[in-house]
C-alpha atoms as a PDB file:
ATOM      1  CA  UNK A   1      24.684   7.384 -17.243  1.00  0.00           C
ATOM      2  CA  UNK A   2      25.644   4.170 -15.473  1.00  0.00           C
ATOM      3  CA  UNK A   3      28.606   3.920 -13.114  1.00  0.00           C
ATOM      4  CA  UNK A   4      31.855   2.419 -14.350  1.00  0.00           C
ATOM      5  CA  UNK A   5      31.569  -1.309 -13.606  1.00  0.00           C
ATOM      6  CA  UNK A   6      33.758  -2.950 -11.009  1.00  0.00           C
ATOM      7  CA  UNK A   7      36.168  -5.387 -12.597  1.00  0.00           C
ATOM      8  CA  UNK A   8      38.651  -7.899 -11.199  1.00  0.00           C
ATOM      9  CA  UNK A   9      41.401  -6.265 -13.264  1.00  0.00           C
ATOM     10  CA  UNK A  10      42.418  -2.630 -13.722  1.00  0.00           C
ATOM     11  CA  UNK A  11      39.953  -1.050 -16.159  1.00  0.00           C
ATOM     12  CA  UNK A  12      40.697   0.428 -19.567  1.00  0.00           C
ATOM     13  CA  UNK A  13      37.724   2.577 -20.540  1.00  0.00           C
ATOM     14  CA  UNK A  14      37.003   3.445 -24.153  1.00  0.00           C
ATOM     15  CA  UNK A  15      35.467   6.910 -24.584  1.00  0.00           C
ATOM     16  CA  UNK A  16      36.154   7.392 -28.319  1.00  0.00           C
ATOM     17  CA  UNK A  17      34.271   5.243 -30.820  1.00  0.00           C
ATOM     18  CA  UNK A  18      35.497   6.906 -34.023  1.00  0.00           C
ATOM     19  CA  UNK A  19      37.937   4.152 -35.054  1.00  0.00           C
ATOM     20  CA  UNK A  20      37.353   0.522 -34.076  1.00  0.00           C
ATOM     21  CA  UNK A  21      40.586  -0.651 -35.711  1.00  0.00           C
ATOM     22  CA  UNK A  22      42.668   1.861 -33.740  1.00  0.00           C
ATOM     23  CA  UNK A  23      40.912   0.888 -30.483  1.00  0.00           C
ATOM     24  CA  UNK A  24      41.949  -2.716 -31.185  1.00  0.00           C
ATOM     25  CA  UNK A  25      45.503  -1.633 -32.058  1.00  0.00           C
ATOM     26  CA  UNK A  26      45.822   0.261 -28.750  1.00  0.00           C
ATOM     27  CA  UNK A  27      44.363  -2.682 -26.789  1.00  0.00           C
ATOM     28  CA  UNK A  28      46.791  -5.058 -28.512  1.00  0.00           C
ATOM     29  CA  UNK A  29      49.730  -2.760 -27.694  1.00  0.00           C
ATOM     30  CA  UNK A  30      48.699  -2.625 -24.031  1.00  0.00           C
ATOM     31  CA  UNK A  31      48.364  -6.417 -23.919  1.00  0.00           C
ATOM     32  CA  UNK A  32      51.763  -6.834 -25.618  1.00  0.00           C
ATOM     33  CA  UNK A  33      53.308  -4.608 -22.933  1.00  0.00           C
ATOM     34  CA  UNK A  34      52.816  -7.443 -20.412  1.00  0.00           C
ATOM     35  CA  UNK A  35      54.997  -9.780 -22.454  1.00  0.00           C
ATOM     36  CA  UNK A  36      57.626  -7.067 -22.971  1.00  0.00           C
ATOM     37  CA  UNK A  37      57.630  -6.166 -19.259  1.00  0.00           C
ATOM     38  CA  UNK A  38      58.104  -9.818 -18.303  1.00  0.00           C
ATOM     39  CA  UNK A  39      61.084 -10.107 -20.647  1.00  0.00           C
ATOM     40  CA  UNK A  40      62.524  -6.856 -19.293  1.00  0.00           C
ATOM     41  CA  UNK A  41      62.579  -8.148 -15.722  1.00  0.00           C
ATOM     42  CA  UNK A  42      63.618 -11.684 -16.629  1.00  0.00           C
ATOM     43  CA  UNK A  43      60.291 -13.446 -16.152  1.00  0.00           C
ATOM     44  CA  UNK A  44      58.748 -15.907 -18.595  1.00  0.00           C
ATOM     45  CA  UNK A  45      55.484 -14.040 -19.067  1.00  0.00           C
ATOM     46  CA  UNK A  46      52.639 -12.263 -17.286  1.00  0.00           C
ATOM     47  CA  UNK A  47      48.930 -12.600 -17.790  1.00  0.00           C
ATOM     48  CA  UNK A  48      47.244  -9.462 -19.056  1.00  0.00           C
ATOM     49  CA  UNK A  49      45.461  -8.021 -16.034  1.00  0.00           C
ATOM     50  CA  UNK A  50      43.397  -5.323 -17.688  1.00  0.00           C
ATOM     51  CA  UNK A  51      39.628  -5.167 -18.142  1.00  0.00           C
ATOM     52  CA  UNK A  52      38.755  -3.572 -21.486  1.00  0.00           C
ATOM     53  CA  UNK A  53      35.444  -1.704 -21.256  1.00  0.00           C
ATOM     54  CA  UNK A  54      33.959  -0.755 -24.624  1.00  0.00           C
ATOM     55  CA  UNK A  55      30.423   0.513 -24.077  1.00  0.00           C
ATOM     56  CA  UNK A  56      29.022   3.254 -26.351  1.00  0.00           C
ATOM     57  CA  UNK A  57      27.231   4.709 -23.335  1.00  0.00           C
ATOM     58  CA  UNK A  58      30.612   6.201 -22.342  1.00  0.00           C
ATOM     59  CA  UNK A  59      31.210   7.766 -25.754  1.00  0.00           C
ATOM     60  CA  UNK A  60      32.636  11.266 -25.519  1.00  0.00           C
ATOM     61  CA  UNK A  61      32.626  11.566 -21.732  1.00  0.00           C
ATOM     62  CA  UNK A  62      35.310  13.716 -20.155  1.00  0.00           C
ATOM     63  CA  UNK A  63      37.792  12.631 -17.477  1.00  0.00           C
ATOM     64  CA  UNK A  64      35.744  14.613 -14.953  1.00  0.00           C
ATOM     65  CA  UNK A  65      32.639  12.648 -15.921  1.00  0.00           C
ATOM     66  CA  UNK A  66      34.577   9.377 -15.672  1.00  0.00           C
ATOM     67  CA  UNK A  67      35.640  10.305 -12.151  1.00  0.00           C
ATOM     68  CA  UNK A  68      32.045  11.092 -11.207  1.00  0.00           C
ATOM     69  CA  UNK A  69      30.991   7.623 -12.399  1.00  0.00           C
ATOM     70  CA  UNK A  70      33.440   5.784 -10.132  1.00  0.00           C
ATOM     71  CA  UNK A  71      32.229   4.960  -6.623  1.00  0.00           C
ATOM     72  CA  UNK A  72      34.219   6.643  -3.881  1.00  0.00           C
ATOM     73  CA  UNK A  73      36.198   4.577  -1.453  1.00  0.00           C
ATOM     74  CA  UNK A  74      35.194   5.874   1.949  1.00  0.00           C
ATOM     75  CA  UNK A  75      36.670   4.562   5.154  1.00  0.00           C
ATOM     76  CA  UNK A  76      36.628   5.474   8.803  1.00  0.00           C
ATOM     77  CA  UNK A  77      39.675   4.029  10.532  1.00  0.00           C
ATOM     78  CA  UNK A  78      39.508   0.361   9.548  1.00  0.00           C
ATOM     79  CA  UNK A  79      35.767   0.168   8.903  1.00  0.00           C
ATOM     80  CA  UNK A  80      34.817   0.379   5.248  1.00  0.00           C
ATOM     81  CA  UNK A  81      31.758   2.612   4.835  1.00  0.00           C
ATOM     82  CA  UNK A  82      31.188   2.040   1.131  1.00  0.00           C
ATOM     83  CA  UNK A  83      32.308  -0.561  -1.331  1.00  0.00           C
ATOM     84  CA  UNK A  84      35.610   0.216  -2.994  1.00  0.00           C
ATOM     85  CA  UNK A  85      35.990   0.436  -6.748  1.00  0.00           C
ATOM     86  CA  UNK A  86      38.991  -1.769  -6.133  1.00  0.00           C
ATOM     87  CA  UNK A  87      41.599  -0.015  -8.287  1.00  0.00           C
ATOM     88  CA  UNK A  88      43.909   2.928  -7.710  1.00  0.00           C
ATOM     89  CA  UNK A  89      43.919   3.922 -11.372  1.00  0.00           C
ATOM     90  CA  UNK A  90      41.846   3.760 -14.538  1.00  0.00           C
ATOM     91  CA  UNK A  91      43.226   3.954 -18.066  1.00  0.00           C
ATOM     92  CA  UNK A  92      41.166   5.896 -20.614  1.00  0.00           C
ATOM     93  CA  UNK A  93      41.358   5.500 -24.382  1.00  0.00           C
ATOM     94  CA  UNK A  94      39.983   8.836 -25.566  1.00  0.00           C
ATOM     95  CA  UNK A  95      40.071  10.891 -28.777  1.00  0.00           C
ATOM     96  CA  UNK A  96      43.655  12.023 -28.113  1.00  0.00           C
ATOM     97  CA  UNK A  97      44.737   8.389 -27.753  1.00  0.00           C
ATOM     98  CA  UNK A  98      43.133   7.520 -31.083  1.00  0.00           C
ATOM     99  CA  UNK A  99      44.484  10.438 -33.148  1.00  0.00           C
ATOM    100  CA  UNK A 100      47.998  10.999 -31.776  1.00  0.00           C
ATOM    101  CA  UNK A 101      50.834   9.068 -33.463  1.00  0.00           C
ATOM    102  CA  UNK A 102      52.092   7.458 -30.220  1.00  0.00           C
ATOM    103  CA  UNK A 103      48.516   6.759 -29.016  1.00  0.00           C
ATOM    104  CA  UNK A 104      49.139   7.908 -25.424  1.00  0.00           C
ATOM    105  CA  UNK A 105      46.591   6.479 -23.007  1.00  0.00           C
ATOM    106  CA  UNK A 106      45.223   8.693 -20.225  1.00  0.00           C
ATOM    107  CA  UNK A 107      45.930   7.415 -16.700  1.00  0.00           C
ATOM    108  CA  UNK A 108      43.727   8.771 -13.903  1.00  0.00           C
ATOM    109  CA  UNK A 109      44.482   8.467 -10.207  1.00  0.00           C
ATOM    110  CA  UNK A 110      41.549   7.171  -8.155  1.00  0.00           C
ATOM    111  CA  UNK A 111      43.111   7.336  -4.698  1.00  0.00           C
ATOM    112  CA  UNK A 112      41.988  10.110  -2.371  1.00  0.00           C
ATOM    113  CA  UNK A 113      45.371  11.706  -1.675  1.00  0.00           C
ATOM    114  CA  UNK A 114      45.721  15.482  -1.743  1.00  0.00           C
ATOM    115  CA  UNK A 115      49.298  15.606  -3.051  1.00  0.00           C
ATOM    116  CA  UNK A 116      49.910  17.546  -6.258  1.00  0.00           C
ATOM    117  CA  UNK A 117      50.750  14.448  -8.312  1.00  0.00           C
ATOM    118  CA  UNK A 118      48.443  12.079  -6.485  1.00  0.00           C
ATOM    119  CA  UNK A 119      45.196  13.964  -6.014  1.00  0.00           C
ATOM    120  CA  UNK A 120      42.091  11.959  -6.948  1.00  0.00           C
ATOM    121  CA  UNK A 121      41.375  12.713 -10.588  1.00  0.00           C
ATOM    122  CA  UNK A 122      44.937  13.751 -11.478  1.00  0.00           C
ATOM    123  CA  UNK A 123      45.834  12.573 -14.971  1.00  0.00           C
ATOM    124  CA  UNK A 124      48.791  12.148 -17.247  1.00  0.00           C
ATOM    125  CA  UNK A 125      49.396  10.211 -20.440  1.00  0.00           C
ATOM    126  CA  UNK A 126      51.553   7.155 -21.019  1.00  0.00           C
ATOM    127  CA  UNK A 127      52.483   5.045 -23.986  1.00  0.00           C
ATOM    128  CA  UNK A 128      50.541   1.792 -24.370  1.00  0.00           C
ATOM    129  CA  UNK A 129      53.897  -0.006 -24.079  1.00  0.00           C
ATOM    130  CA  UNK A 130      54.221   1.305 -20.486  1.00  0.00           C
ATOM    131  CA  UNK A 131      50.778   0.236 -19.250  1.00  0.00           C
ATOM    132  CA  UNK A 132      51.894  -3.152 -17.880  1.00  0.00           C
ATOM    133  CA  UNK A 133      54.782  -1.656 -15.913  1.00  0.00           C
ATOM    134  CA  UNK A 134      52.441   0.867 -14.319  1.00  0.00           C
ATOM    135  CA  UNK A 135      49.539  -1.493 -13.671  1.00  0.00           C
ATOM    136  CA  UNK A 136      51.692  -4.241 -12.160  1.00  0.00           C
ATOM    137  CA  UNK A 137      53.669  -1.863  -9.944  1.00  0.00           C
ATOM    138  CA  UNK A 138      50.491  -0.143  -8.710  1.00  0.00           C
ATOM    139  CA  UNK A 139      48.739  -3.450  -8.074  1.00  0.00           C
ATOM    140  CA  UNK A 140      51.556  -4.982  -6.025  1.00  0.00           C
ATOM    141  CA  UNK A 141      52.144  -1.638  -4.275  1.00  0.00           C
ATOM    142  CA  UNK A 142      55.754  -1.563  -5.449  1.00  0.00           C
ATOM    143  CA  UNK A 143      55.317   1.986  -6.760  1.00  0.00           C
ATOM    144  CA  UNK A 144      52.636   4.627  -6.569  1.00  0.00           C
ATOM    145  CA  UNK A 145      50.846   6.842  -9.066  1.00  0.00           C
ATOM    146  CA  UNK A 146      53.187   9.661  -8.062  1.00  0.00           C
ATOM    147  CA  UNK A 147      56.280   7.691  -9.140  1.00  0.00           C
ATOM    148  CA  UNK A 148      54.941   7.543 -12.679  1.00  0.00           C
ATOM    149  CA  UNK A 149      53.330  10.996 -12.826  1.00  0.00           C
ATOM    150  CA  UNK A 150      56.524  12.726 -11.723  1.00  0.00           C
ATOM    151  CA  UNK A 151      58.444  11.016 -14.521  1.00  0.00           C
ATOM    152  CA  UNK A 152      56.517  12.300 -17.529  1.00  0.00           C
ATOM    153  CA  UNK A 153      58.363  14.013 -20.362  1.00  0.00           C
ATOM    154  CA  UNK A 154      57.940  17.730 -21.098  1.00  0.00           C
ATOM    155  CA  UNK A 155      54.886  16.973 -23.235  1.00  0.00           C
ATOM    156  CA  UNK A 156      53.156  15.215 -20.318  1.00  0.00           C
ATOM    157  CA  UNK A 157      53.665  11.655 -21.589  1.00  0.00           C
ATOM    158  CA  UNK A 158      55.303   8.881 -19.577  1.00  0.00           C
ATOM    159  CA  UNK A 159      57.621   6.936 -21.873  1.00  0.00           C
ATOM    160  CA  UNK A 160      59.429   4.895 -19.234  1.00  0.00           C
ATOM    161  CA  UNK A 161      62.045   5.545 -16.589  1.00  0.00           C
ATOM    162  CA  UNK A 162      65.021   5.239 -18.964  1.00  0.00           C
ATOM    163  CA  UNK A 163      64.503   8.690 -20.479  1.00  0.00           C
END
């Protein structure tokens, strides 16, 4: 299986190909979250900075397999030893996303931290409407994966910080 491609924007990987219309609905909801986030913070609008990857080669792969297909970021002091994947997180649209009523997307941490909530490969789910808030805050280093993962509801889904 080929490695997950490097993209200029945070990747959204499709691993369930059972319902093309629902995949499009989830993608549209994630894209709409950028407009809603901009309104929430008083901005005019934000460009969608996600890279949607829909390749049947990734059909049915597990989060563990996804992690194995992402190049490691290795560094020794300030010298980069291998090329970075370039993103601290990947969003996965899997079977659970497709079949659950709220369509919670799986977020996976890609940073190599050993904290409970920030260990490489740690996952939690979030609503598509929260994707922009997470992606933008991670990208500008305003917040970390831990900030979001510690704020999930009892069912393991992040629905925003207002709850």
